[in-house]
Protein backbone atom coordinates (compact mmCIF):
# COMPACT_ATOMS: atom_id res chain seq x y z
CA MET A 1 117.13 137.05 130.09
CA LYS A 2 117.65 133.74 131.85
CA ALA A 3 119.56 131.21 129.74
CA TYR A 4 117.74 128.05 128.66
CA ASN A 5 119.15 125.15 130.65
CA PRO A 6 117.78 121.89 129.18
CA HIS A 7 119.31 119.76 131.93
CA GLU A 8 117.29 121.66 134.54
CA ILE A 9 114.09 122.55 132.67
CA GLU A 10 113.33 119.45 130.58
CA PRO A 11 113.52 116.73 133.27
CA ARG A 12 111.34 118.87 135.55
CA LEU A 13 108.66 119.40 132.90
CA GLN A 14 108.79 115.80 131.70
CA LEU A 15 108.23 114.61 135.27
CA ALA A 16 105.21 116.90 135.52
CA TRP A 17 103.84 115.52 132.23
CA ASP A 18 104.23 111.96 133.52
CA GLU A 19 102.59 112.70 136.87
CA ALA A 20 99.66 114.38 135.09
CA GLY A 21 99.28 111.44 132.69
CA LEU A 22 99.35 113.97 129.86
CA TYR A 23 99.84 111.35 127.10
CA THR A 24 97.77 108.54 128.57
CA VAL A 25 94.84 107.83 126.25
CA PRO A 26 91.42 107.33 127.92
CA GLU A 27 89.42 104.26 126.95
CA ASN A 28 86.17 106.21 126.55
CA SER A 29 86.04 109.78 125.43
CA ASP A 30 83.78 112.04 123.40
CA ALA A 31 86.77 113.83 121.88
CA PRO A 32 87.75 113.10 118.26
CA LYS A 33 90.42 110.44 117.99
CA LYS A 34 93.74 110.39 116.17
CA TYR A 35 96.18 107.45 115.81
CA VAL A 36 99.83 108.35 115.20
CA LEU A 37 102.32 105.53 114.65
CA GLU A 38 105.95 105.54 113.55
CA MET A 39 107.79 102.38 112.59
CA PHE A 40 109.16 100.46 115.56
CA PRO A 41 112.98 100.52 115.92
CA TYR A 42 115.26 97.49 116.11
CA PRO A 43 116.69 97.17 119.65
CA SER A 44 120.19 96.37 118.40
CA GLY A 45 121.74 99.37 120.17
CA ASP A 46 120.91 102.85 121.45
CA MET A 47 119.19 105.53 119.38
CA HIS A 48 121.13 107.43 116.73
CA MET A 49 120.37 110.71 114.98
CA GLY A 50 118.32 108.93 112.35
CA HIS A 51 115.98 107.76 115.10
CA ALA A 52 115.84 111.23 116.63
CA SER A 53 114.89 112.73 113.26
CA ASN A 54 112.27 110.10 112.37
CA TYR A 55 110.46 110.11 115.71
CA THR A 56 110.53 113.89 116.00
CA TYR A 57 108.39 114.10 112.86
CA GLY A 58 105.83 111.75 114.37
CA ASP A 59 105.87 113.62 117.67
CA VAL A 60 105.16 116.92 115.91
CA VAL A 61 102.09 115.38 114.22
CA ALA A 62 100.87 113.86 117.51
CA ARG A 63 101.32 117.09 119.49
CA TYR A 64 99.65 119.18 116.81
CA ALA A 65 96.61 116.89 116.87
CA LYS A 66 96.47 116.98 120.69
CA MET A 67 96.63 120.78 120.68
CA ASN A 68 93.65 120.74 118.32
CA GLY A 69 91.49 118.78 120.74
CA PHE A 70 92.09 115.19 119.65
CA ASP A 71 92.63 112.24 121.96
CA VAL A 72 95.86 111.01 120.39
CA LEU A 73 96.92 107.37 120.60
CA HIS A 74 100.69 107.59 120.11
CA PRO A 75 102.30 104.27 121.11
CA MET A 76 105.85 102.99 120.90
CA GLY A 77 107.23 99.48 120.54
CA TRP A 78 110.23 97.48 119.35
CA ASP A 79 110.67 95.26 116.31
CA ALA A 80 112.60 92.84 118.47
CA PHE A 81 111.87 89.42 117.04
CA GLY A 82 114.29 88.77 114.24
CA LEU A 83 117.73 88.61 112.81
CA PRO A 84 119.12 92.13 113.53
CA ALA A 85 118.76 91.60 117.27
CA GLU A 86 120.23 88.09 117.09
CA ASN A 87 123.20 89.20 114.98
CA ALA A 88 123.87 92.12 117.30
CA ALA A 89 123.83 89.77 120.30
CA ILE A 90 126.29 87.43 118.57
CA LYS A 91 128.56 90.36 117.73
CA HIS A 92 128.57 91.50 121.37
CA HIS A 93 128.89 87.96 122.80
CA SER A 94 125.60 88.17 124.65
CA HIS A 95 122.40 86.16 124.90
CA PRO A 96 119.77 87.59 122.48
CA ALA A 97 117.18 88.03 125.24
CA ILE A 98 119.62 89.85 127.57
CA TRP A 99 120.98 92.04 124.79
CA THR A 100 117.52 92.85 123.40
CA TYR A 101 115.79 93.79 126.66
CA GLU A 102 118.78 95.83 127.86
CA ASN A 103 118.70 97.82 124.61
CA ILE A 104 114.93 98.27 124.86
CA GLU A 105 115.39 99.85 128.28
CA THR A 106 118.25 101.99 127.00
CA GLN A 107 116.22 103.21 124.03
CA LYS A 108 113.17 103.85 126.21
CA ASN A 109 115.27 106.07 128.46
CA SER A 110 116.55 107.93 125.41
CA PHE A 111 113.02 108.40 124.08
CA SER A 112 111.99 109.74 127.48
CA ARG A 113 114.90 112.19 127.57
CA MET A 114 113.81 113.44 124.14
CA GLY A 115 110.37 114.17 125.63
CA PHE A 116 108.38 112.32 122.98
CA SER A 117 104.64 112.16 123.65
CA TYR A 118 104.25 108.37 123.88
CA ASP A 119 101.62 106.58 125.90
CA TRP A 120 103.94 104.10 127.60
CA ASP A 121 100.97 102.07 128.83
CA ARG A 122 100.60 100.98 125.20
CA LYS A 123 104.19 99.76 124.78
CA VAL A 124 104.60 96.56 122.74
CA VAL A 125 107.68 94.37 122.26
CA ALA A 126 107.59 91.95 119.34
CA CYS A 127 109.56 89.24 121.16
CA ASP A 128 107.13 89.13 124.10
CA PRO A 129 104.93 85.99 123.93
CA GLU A 130 101.80 88.02 124.69
CA TYR A 131 102.52 89.97 121.49
CA TYR A 132 103.76 87.37 119.00
CA ARG A 133 101.06 84.84 119.94
CA TRP A 134 98.67 86.98 117.92
CA GLY A 135 100.88 86.77 114.86
CA GLN A 136 100.83 82.99 115.24
CA TRP A 137 97.05 83.07 115.66
CA ILE A 138 96.61 85.12 112.48
CA PHE A 139 98.90 82.73 110.54
CA LEU A 140 96.82 79.75 111.68
CA LYS A 141 93.64 81.48 110.50
CA PHE A 142 95.23 82.04 107.10
CA TRP A 143 96.32 78.39 107.00
CA GLU A 144 92.85 77.14 107.94
CA ARG A 145 91.41 79.07 105.01
CA GLY A 146 93.98 77.84 102.51
CA LEU A 147 95.61 81.25 102.16
CA VAL A 148 99.16 80.11 102.85
CA GLU A 149 101.14 77.48 101.00
CA ARG A 150 104.57 75.90 101.35
CA ARG A 151 106.75 75.66 98.28
CA ASN A 152 110.34 75.65 97.09
CA SER A 153 111.68 78.70 95.27
CA PRO A 154 114.92 80.64 94.72
CA VAL A 155 115.68 83.31 97.31
CA ASN A 156 118.41 85.82 98.09
CA TRP A 157 120.61 84.31 100.81
CA CYS A 158 123.22 86.11 102.92
CA PRO A 159 125.67 83.46 104.20
CA SER A 160 127.06 85.83 106.83
CA CYS A 161 123.71 86.84 108.35
CA GLY A 162 122.30 83.36 107.72
CA THR A 163 118.99 84.67 106.41
CA VAL A 164 116.85 85.38 103.39
CA LEU A 165 116.89 88.94 102.04
CA ALA A 166 114.21 90.81 100.13
CA ASN A 167 115.24 92.13 96.71
CA GLU A 168 115.33 95.64 98.15
CA GLN A 169 117.89 94.50 100.77
CA VAL A 170 120.41 93.45 98.12
CA ILE A 171 122.53 96.36 96.88
CA GLU A 172 124.78 95.66 93.91
CA GLY A 173 124.86 91.99 94.81
CA ARG A 174 125.70 92.55 98.48
CA CYS A 175 123.80 92.40 101.77
CA TRP A 176 122.55 95.81 102.90
CA ARG A 177 123.41 94.94 106.51
CA CYS A 178 126.86 93.29 106.45
CA ASP A 179 128.03 93.86 102.83
CA SER A 180 128.61 90.14 102.25
CA GLU A 181 128.12 88.77 98.74
CA VAL A 182 124.56 87.45 98.36
CA GLU A 183 123.85 83.98 96.94
CA LYS A 184 120.81 82.46 95.26
CA ARG A 185 119.47 79.41 97.08
CA ASP A 186 116.43 77.21 96.68
CA LEU A 187 114.58 77.12 100.00
CA THR A 188 111.21 75.80 101.10
CA GLN A 189 109.15 78.55 102.70
CA TRP A 190 105.61 79.61 103.51
CA TYR A 191 103.95 82.01 101.09
CA TYR A 192 100.79 84.06 101.52
CA LYS A 193 98.36 83.89 98.59
CA ILE A 194 98.19 87.64 98.18
CA THR A 195 97.44 87.17 94.49
CA ASP A 196 93.93 86.04 95.50
CA TYR A 197 93.33 89.66 96.53
CA ALA A 198 95.21 91.42 93.73
CA GLN A 199 92.15 92.98 92.11
CA GLU A 200 90.71 94.07 95.46
CA LEU A 201 94.02 95.71 96.35
CA LEU A 202 94.15 97.50 93.01
CA ASP A 203 90.57 98.72 93.35
CA ASP A 204 91.23 100.06 96.84
CA LEU A 205 94.09 102.25 95.60
CA ASP A 206 91.35 104.63 94.46
CA GLN A 207 90.47 105.19 98.12
CA LEU A 208 93.92 106.63 98.90
CA GLU A 209 92.94 110.26 98.62
CA GLY A 210 95.83 112.68 98.70
CA TRP A 211 98.45 110.08 97.82
CA PRO A 212 100.85 111.09 94.99
CA GLU A 213 99.99 109.33 91.73
CA ARG A 214 103.61 108.19 91.47
CA VAL A 215 103.35 106.32 94.78
CA LYS A 216 100.00 104.77 93.84
CA GLN A 217 101.50 103.58 90.56
CA GLN A 218 104.41 102.02 92.44
CA GLN A 219 101.89 100.17 94.60
CA ALA A 220 100.04 98.97 91.50
CA ASN A 221 103.33 97.75 89.99
CA TRP A 222 104.15 95.92 93.23
CA ILE A 223 100.75 94.20 93.22
CA GLY A 224 101.55 93.26 89.63
CA ARG A 225 98.24 91.82 88.48
CA SER A 226 98.19 90.87 84.79
CA GLU A 227 95.54 89.33 82.55
CA GLY A 228 96.61 86.99 79.79
CA ALA A 229 96.91 83.39 78.66
CA ASN A 230 99.17 80.38 79.15
CA VAL A 231 100.72 79.14 75.90
CA ASP A 232 102.48 75.78 75.52
CA PHE A 233 105.68 75.50 73.47
CA ILE A 234 107.06 72.07 72.50
CA LEU A 235 110.74 71.51 73.32
CA CYS A 236 112.78 69.91 70.55
CA ASP A 237 115.39 67.28 71.33
CA ALA A 238 119.13 67.92 71.22
CA GLU A 239 119.13 67.25 67.45
CA GLY A 240 116.42 69.85 66.90
CA ASN A 241 113.59 67.38 66.26
CA ALA A 242 110.15 67.94 67.73
CA PRO A 243 108.60 64.86 69.39
CA ALA A 244 105.76 63.24 67.46
CA GLU A 245 103.78 62.71 70.66
CA PRO A 246 104.99 65.26 73.21
CA THR A 247 104.79 64.39 76.90
CA GLU A 248 104.46 66.73 79.84
CA ASP A 249 108.26 66.91 80.05
CA ASP A 250 108.42 68.23 76.48
CA ILE A 251 106.19 71.23 77.17
CA ILE A 252 107.33 74.65 78.39
CA THR A 253 104.46 76.98 79.28
CA VAL A 254 104.67 80.75 79.08
CA PHE A 255 102.29 83.38 80.40
CA THR A 256 101.61 86.26 78.03
CA THR A 257 99.36 89.29 78.12
CA ARG A 258 99.58 89.48 74.32
CA ALA A 259 98.77 86.11 72.80
CA ASP A 260 97.94 87.99 69.58
CA THR A 261 101.67 88.61 69.03
CA LEU A 262 102.63 84.93 68.77
CA PHE A 263 103.42 85.34 65.07
CA GLY A 264 106.19 87.75 66.07
CA CYS A 265 107.95 85.31 68.43
CA SER A 266 111.47 84.87 67.03
CA PHE A 267 113.26 83.46 70.09
CA PHE A 268 112.45 81.99 73.48
CA LEU A 269 113.84 83.02 76.87
CA LEU A 270 114.31 81.25 80.21
CA ALA A 271 115.11 82.91 83.53
CA PRO A 272 118.57 82.04 84.88
CA GLU A 273 116.86 80.46 87.94
CA SER A 274 114.82 78.04 85.80
CA LYS A 275 115.43 74.42 86.75
CA LEU A 276 115.32 73.57 83.04
CA VAL A 277 118.49 75.51 82.27
CA PRO A 278 121.10 73.08 83.69
CA GLN A 279 119.25 70.15 82.12
CA LEU A 280 119.20 71.69 78.66
CA VAL A 281 122.94 72.42 78.49
CA ALA A 282 124.45 69.57 80.56
CA GLY A 283 127.45 68.06 78.78
CA THR A 284 127.21 70.36 75.76
CA GLU A 285 129.42 73.10 74.34
CA TYR A 286 126.84 75.61 75.58
CA GLU A 287 127.08 74.58 79.23
CA LYS A 288 129.91 76.88 80.32
CA PRO A 289 128.67 80.18 78.83
CA VAL A 290 125.12 79.48 80.02
CA MET A 291 126.14 78.54 83.55
CA ASP A 292 128.52 81.52 83.70
CA LEU A 293 125.51 83.70 82.93
CA VAL A 294 123.47 81.94 85.63
CA GLU A 295 126.20 82.60 88.20
CA ALA A 296 126.51 86.25 87.16
CA ALA A 297 122.74 86.74 87.48
CA LYS A 298 122.87 85.54 91.09
CA LYS A 299 124.83 88.65 92.00
CA VAL A 300 122.11 91.02 90.78
CA THR A 301 118.65 91.39 92.29
CA ALA A 302 115.56 90.50 90.31
CA VAL A 303 114.42 94.12 90.61
CA GLU A 304 117.64 95.41 89.04
CA ARG A 305 117.62 92.76 86.31
CA ALA A 306 114.06 93.59 85.29
CA GLN A 307 114.77 97.31 84.89
CA GLY A 308 114.33 98.36 81.29
CA ASP A 309 117.39 100.62 81.14
CA ARG A 310 119.87 97.98 82.32
CA GLU A 311 122.11 96.23 79.79
CA LYS A 312 120.81 92.76 79.00
CA HIS A 313 122.93 89.61 78.89
CA GLY A 314 122.12 86.25 77.38
CA ALA A 315 123.46 82.88 76.29
CA PHE A 316 122.14 80.37 73.75
CA THR A 317 121.30 76.90 75.09
CA GLY A 318 121.63 75.12 71.75
CA ARG A 319 117.99 74.01 71.98
CA TYR A 320 114.78 75.00 70.19
CA VAL A 321 111.05 75.11 70.85
CA VAL A 322 108.16 75.01 68.40
CA ASN A 323 105.93 78.07 68.07
CA PRO A 324 102.42 76.59 68.39
CA ILE A 325 100.83 79.15 66.09
CA ASN A 326 102.95 78.52 62.98
CA GLY A 327 105.16 75.49 63.68
CA GLU A 328 108.37 77.51 63.39
CA LYS A 329 111.35 76.47 65.49
CA VAL A 330 112.75 79.28 67.64
CA PRO A 331 116.02 79.21 69.61
CA VAL A 332 115.99 78.96 73.40
CA TRP A 333 118.16 81.51 75.18
CA VAL A 334 118.78 82.33 78.82
CA GLY A 335 118.29 86.05 79.48
CA ASP A 336 119.17 87.83 82.70
CA TYR A 337 116.26 90.29 82.36
CA ILE A 338 113.81 87.42 82.77
CA VAL A 339 112.85 86.77 86.41
CA ALA A 340 111.58 83.47 87.77
CA ASP A 341 108.78 84.85 89.92
CA TYR A 342 106.83 86.52 87.11
CA GLY A 343 104.58 84.21 85.12
CA THR A 344 106.35 80.89 84.60
CA GLY A 345 109.92 82.18 84.33
CA ALA A 346 109.80 81.56 80.56
CA VAL A 347 109.04 84.18 77.91
CA MET A 348 108.12 84.13 74.24
CA ALA A 349 110.24 86.98 72.92
CA VAL A 350 108.54 89.33 70.47
CA PRO A 351 111.15 91.99 69.65
CA CYS A 352 108.77 93.89 67.39
CA GLY A 353 106.38 94.44 70.29
CA ASP A 354 108.61 94.65 73.37
CA GLN A 355 111.45 97.12 73.89
CA ARG A 356 113.56 94.82 76.07
CA ASP A 357 113.20 91.92 73.59
CA PHE A 358 114.09 94.35 70.81
CA GLU A 359 117.30 95.44 72.55
CA PHE A 360 118.21 91.81 73.26
CA ALA A 361 117.60 90.83 69.62
CA ARG A 362 119.72 93.71 68.33
CA LYS A 363 122.56 92.84 70.69
CA TYR A 364 122.66 89.14 69.74
CA ASP A 365 121.63 89.54 66.08
CA LEU A 366 118.36 87.63 66.48
CA PRO A 367 115.45 87.96 64.01
CA ILE A 368 112.93 90.78 64.42
CA ILE A 369 109.67 89.79 62.75
CA PRO A 370 107.54 92.81 61.74
CA ILE A 371 103.97 92.20 62.89
CA ILE A 372 102.91 95.63 64.17
């Protein structure tokens, strides 16, 4: 039997496929249609085995559909408009445009040698103006409808990459890309008002037939819609006295889904990122332990800090707030399991009704009021 010689057979067949336009998708066809899309690679170098594995899976799906009579739209493109490409260019002492387009051509040749069934007439490159102009157009439409806003908030910052990182890109306090220590910085950025569509997104999860319930629950948790109430607590002065006529500066608002548990509030928690924290402890004996906690929290992602099974750390600020339901004064602590981007970044702790508050109270010998 004749030995299989890929260097002779595959280029010859791939040329025949190209000449026949085997993977070119017609504009109008009566055949059933299938759209197969894998994530676009970063053009920061040539393909590696991870690419070969990922795109082989997609190619199998596309070819199977085509063999079953579908017109298959199977495009390829490059996620070429961002930091990975720029950092790679800097590392290789090249201009980002030169480095990026050279790597796109290199990767395209590698894809072709692999024989993937892409319709190269549908190629897109994210750094091409004819592509990214549509992203700009969509942003302007969001802005015109009041669905984007600009505000200041704490972010994960990699000083080496010079960019913001998502929580998922911070691993044990370090950048997933360059392993540099990640900092917390306050930056002004644009935010999409996705919360305006939270209920619609949750409702539409029911349309995801065949999805594992675990994955759907993860999506619901990411959407994170909660129903509850805002409750105002009055901040006492440094001597522990509540103001007779509180001003706006004396009020700390919390969001709670269980306002009925207010009688069980035995302490009060602020997120380490809260702007109130430095003000409350400035020049006091509590300043160092509190600010040490704030610095330590910067090295851990909000996702990790919020996990229920992680050990909780806290520091007392020396200040108190008044529980509005019974007039009791409760101590204000900073807790690293409180995150700034949920609710108001302040929490009324009810250890009898919340496992994390319970563990925190046991660790720091704080009262646990039985209400349930």
